[in-house]
Amino acid sequence: TWSMTVTKNWRLTFRLNEQGQLCDMALEDYHGA
C-alpha cells in the first residue's frame, strides 16, 4: 500500500496490482473528524 499527502490532513492511499495498475484508491481524512 502506498500513500501521498494531498493537502493538510488529507491523503490519497492506493495499492498496485500484479499488472502495475492502481487499485483500492481512497481519499482519506487521516485525522478523522
PDB file of N, CA and C in Angstrom:
ATOM      1  N   THR A   1       0.842  -1.188   0.000  1.00  0.00           N
ATOM      2  CA  THR A   1       0.000   0.000   0.000  1.00  0.00           C
ATOM      3  C   THR A   1       0.879   1.240   0.000  1.00  0.00           C
ATOM      4  N   TRP A   2       0.496   2.215  -0.761  1.00  0.00           N
ATOM      5  CA  TRP A   2       1.202   3.490  -0.863  1.00  0.00           C
ATOM      6  C   TRP A   2       0.273   4.591  -0.380  1.00  0.00           C
ATOM      7  N   SER A   3       0.840   5.730   0.006  1.00  0.00           N
ATOM      8  CA  SER A   3       0.019   6.889   0.346  1.00  0.00           C
ATOM      9  C   SER A   3       0.749   8.168  -0.032  1.00  0.00           C
ATOM     10  N   MET A   4      -0.027   9.222  -0.303  1.00  0.00           N
ATOM     11  CA  MET A   4       0.515  10.537  -0.616  1.00  0.00           C
ATOM     12  C   MET A   4      -0.320  11.564   0.122  1.00  0.00           C
ATOM     13  N   THR A   5       0.330  12.583   0.686  1.00  0.00           N
ATOM     14  CA  THR A   5      -0.396  13.683   1.296  1.00  0.00           C
ATOM     15  C   THR A   5      -0.935  14.573   0.189  1.00  0.00           C
ATOM     16  N   VAL A   6      -2.210  14.895   0.249  1.00  0.00           N
ATOM     17  CA  VAL A   6      -2.836  15.732  -0.771  1.00  0.00           C
ATOM     18  C   VAL A   6      -2.788  17.180  -0.314  1.00  0.00           C
ATOM     19  N   THR A   7      -3.343  17.489   0.835  1.00  0.00           N
ATOM     20  CA  THR A   7      -3.302  18.810   1.419  1.00  0.00           C
ATOM     21  C   THR A   7      -3.718  18.704   2.886  1.00  0.00           C
ATOM     22  N   LYS A   8      -3.034  19.404   3.729  1.00  0.00           N
ATOM     23  CA  LYS A   8      -3.284  19.410   5.168  1.00  0.00           C
ATOM     24  C   LYS A   8      -3.453  17.999   5.712  1.00  0.00           C
ATOM     25  N   ASN A   9      -4.645  17.635   6.172  1.00  0.00           N
ATOM     26  CA  ASN A   9      -4.829  16.323   6.793  1.00  0.00           C
ATOM     27  C   ASN A   9      -5.428  15.288   5.841  1.00  0.00           C
ATOM     28  N   TRP A  10      -5.407  15.537   4.544  1.00  0.00           N
ATOM     29  CA  TRP A  10      -5.934  14.584   3.571  1.00  0.00           C
ATOM     30  C   TRP A  10      -4.798  13.810   2.935  1.00  0.00           C
ATOM     31  N   ARG A  11      -5.046  12.547   2.643  1.00  0.00           N
ATOM     32  CA  ARG A  11      -4.062  11.753   1.914  1.00  0.00           C
ATOM     33  C   ARG A  11      -4.767  10.798   0.965  1.00  0.00           C
ATOM     34  N   LEU A  12      -4.054  10.457  -0.099  1.00  0.00           N
ATOM     35  CA  LEU A  12      -4.536   9.522  -1.100  1.00  0.00           C
ATOM     36  C   LEU A  12      -3.827   8.201  -0.862  1.00  0.00           C
ATOM     37  N   THR A  13      -4.584   7.129  -0.657  1.00  0.00           N
ATOM     38  CA  THR A  13      -3.982   5.813  -0.456  1.00  0.00           C
ATOM     39  C   THR A  13      -4.390   4.903  -1.607  1.00  0.00           C
ATOM     40  N   PHE A  14      -3.480   4.000  -1.962  1.00  0.00           N
ATOM     41  CA  PHE A  14      -3.746   3.080  -3.062  1.00  0.00           C
ATOM     42  C   PHE A  14      -2.747   1.942  -3.007  1.00  0.00           C
ATOM     43  N   ARG A  15      -2.984   0.930  -3.830  1.00  0.00           N
ATOM     44  CA  ARG A  15      -2.018  -0.149  -3.990  1.00  0.00           C
ATOM     45  C   ARG A  15      -1.911  -0.476  -5.462  1.00  0.00           C
ATOM     46  N   LEU A  16      -0.863  -1.174  -5.824  1.00  0.00           N
ATOM     47  CA  LEU A  16      -0.651  -1.595  -7.203  1.00  0.00           C
ATOM     48  C   LEU A  16      -0.950  -3.080  -7.313  1.00  0.00           C
ATOM     49  N   ASN A  17      -1.637  -3.475  -8.384  1.00  0.00           N
ATOM     50  CA  ASN A  17      -1.897  -4.899  -8.590  1.00  0.00           C
ATOM     51  C   ASN A  17      -0.727  -5.532  -9.351  1.00  0.00           C
ATOM     52  N   GLU A  18      -0.850  -6.785  -9.716  1.00  0.00           N
ATOM     53  CA  GLU A  18       0.235  -7.523 -10.367  1.00  0.00           C
ATOM     54  C   GLU A  18       0.626  -6.917 -11.713  1.00  0.00           C
ATOM     55  N   GLN A  19      -0.315  -6.231 -12.363  1.00  0.00           N
ATOM     56  CA  GLN A  19      -0.044  -5.605 -13.657  1.00  0.00           C
ATOM     57  C   GLN A  19       0.501  -4.184 -13.507  1.00  0.00           C
ATOM     58  N   GLY A  20       0.703  -3.725 -12.269  1.00  0.00           N
ATOM     59  CA  GLY A  20       1.202  -2.379 -12.028  1.00  0.00           C
ATOM     60  C   GLY A  20       0.137  -1.304 -12.099  1.00  0.00           C
ATOM     61  N   GLN A  21      -1.137  -1.707 -12.072  1.00  0.00           N
ATOM     62  CA  GLN A  21      -2.240  -0.754 -12.129  1.00  0.00           C
ATOM     63  C   GLN A  21      -2.663  -0.349 -10.720  1.00  0.00           C
ATOM     64  N   LEU A  22      -3.125   0.898 -10.586  1.00  0.00           N
ATOM     65  CA  LEU A  22      -3.627   1.374  -9.301  1.00  0.00           C
ATOM     66  C   LEU A  22      -4.962   0.722  -8.990  1.00  0.00           C
ATOM     67  N   CYS A  23      -5.176   0.352  -7.731  1.00  0.00           N
ATOM     68  CA  CYS A  23      -6.470  -0.162  -7.300  1.00  0.00           C
ATOM     69  C   CYS A  23      -6.660   0.166  -5.820  1.00  0.00           C
ATOM     70  N   ASP A  24      -7.854   0.009  -5.340  1.00  0.00           N
ATOM     71  CA  ASP A  24      -8.212   0.330  -3.949  1.00  0.00           C
ATOM     72  C   ASP A  24      -7.817   1.760  -3.590  1.00  0.00           C
ATOM     73  N   MET A  25      -8.117   2.711  -4.478  1.00  0.00           N
ATOM     74  CA  MET A  25      -7.752   4.103  -4.248  1.00  0.00           C
ATOM     75  C   MET A  25      -8.783   4.767  -3.341  1.00  0.00           C
ATOM     76  N   ALA A  26      -8.314   5.572  -2.381  1.00  0.00           N
ATOM     77  CA  ALA A  26      -9.225   6.267  -1.471  1.00  0.00           C
ATOM     78  C   ALA A  26      -8.614   7.598  -1.046  1.00  0.00           C
ATOM     79  N   LEU A  27      -9.453   8.619  -0.913  1.00  0.00           N
ATOM     80  CA  LEU A  27      -9.063   9.910  -0.363  1.00  0.00           C
ATOM     81  C   LEU A  27      -9.541   9.914   1.084  1.00  0.00           C
ATOM     82  N   GLU A  28      -8.608  10.046   2.030  1.00  0.00           N
ATOM     83  CA  GLU A  28      -8.939   9.876   3.445  1.00  0.00           C
ATOM     84  C   GLU A  28      -8.529  11.082   4.281  1.00  0.00           C
ATOM     85  N   ASP A  29      -9.359  11.410   5.267  1.00  0.00           N
ATOM     86  CA  ASP A  29      -9.019  12.397   6.290  1.00  0.00           C
ATOM     87  C   ASP A  29      -8.358  11.615   7.415  1.00  0.00           C
ATOM     88  N   TYR A  30      -7.024  11.612   7.460  1.00  0.00           N
ATOM     89  CA  TYR A  30      -6.349  10.740   8.407  1.00  0.00           C
ATOM     90  C   TYR A  30      -6.354  11.251   9.838  1.00  0.00           C
ATOM     91  N   HIS A  31      -6.878  12.451  10.091  1.00  0.00           N
ATOM     92  CA  HIS A  31      -7.065  12.903  11.468  1.00  0.00           C
ATOM     93  C   HIS A  31      -8.452  12.513  11.963  1.00  0.00           C
ATOM     94  N   GLY A  32      -9.306  12.104  11.044  1.00  0.00           N
ATOM     95  CA  GLY A  32     -10.659  11.647  11.383  1.00  0.00           C
ATOM     96  C   GLY A  32     -11.476  12.716  12.068  1.00  0.00           C
ATOM     97  N   ALA A  33     -12.545  13.079  11.459  1.00  0.00           N
ATOM     98  CA  ALA A  33     -13.394  14.121  12.039  1.00  0.00           C
ATOM     99  C   ALA A  33     -14.618  13.513  12.666  1.00  0.00           C
TER     100      ALA A  33
END
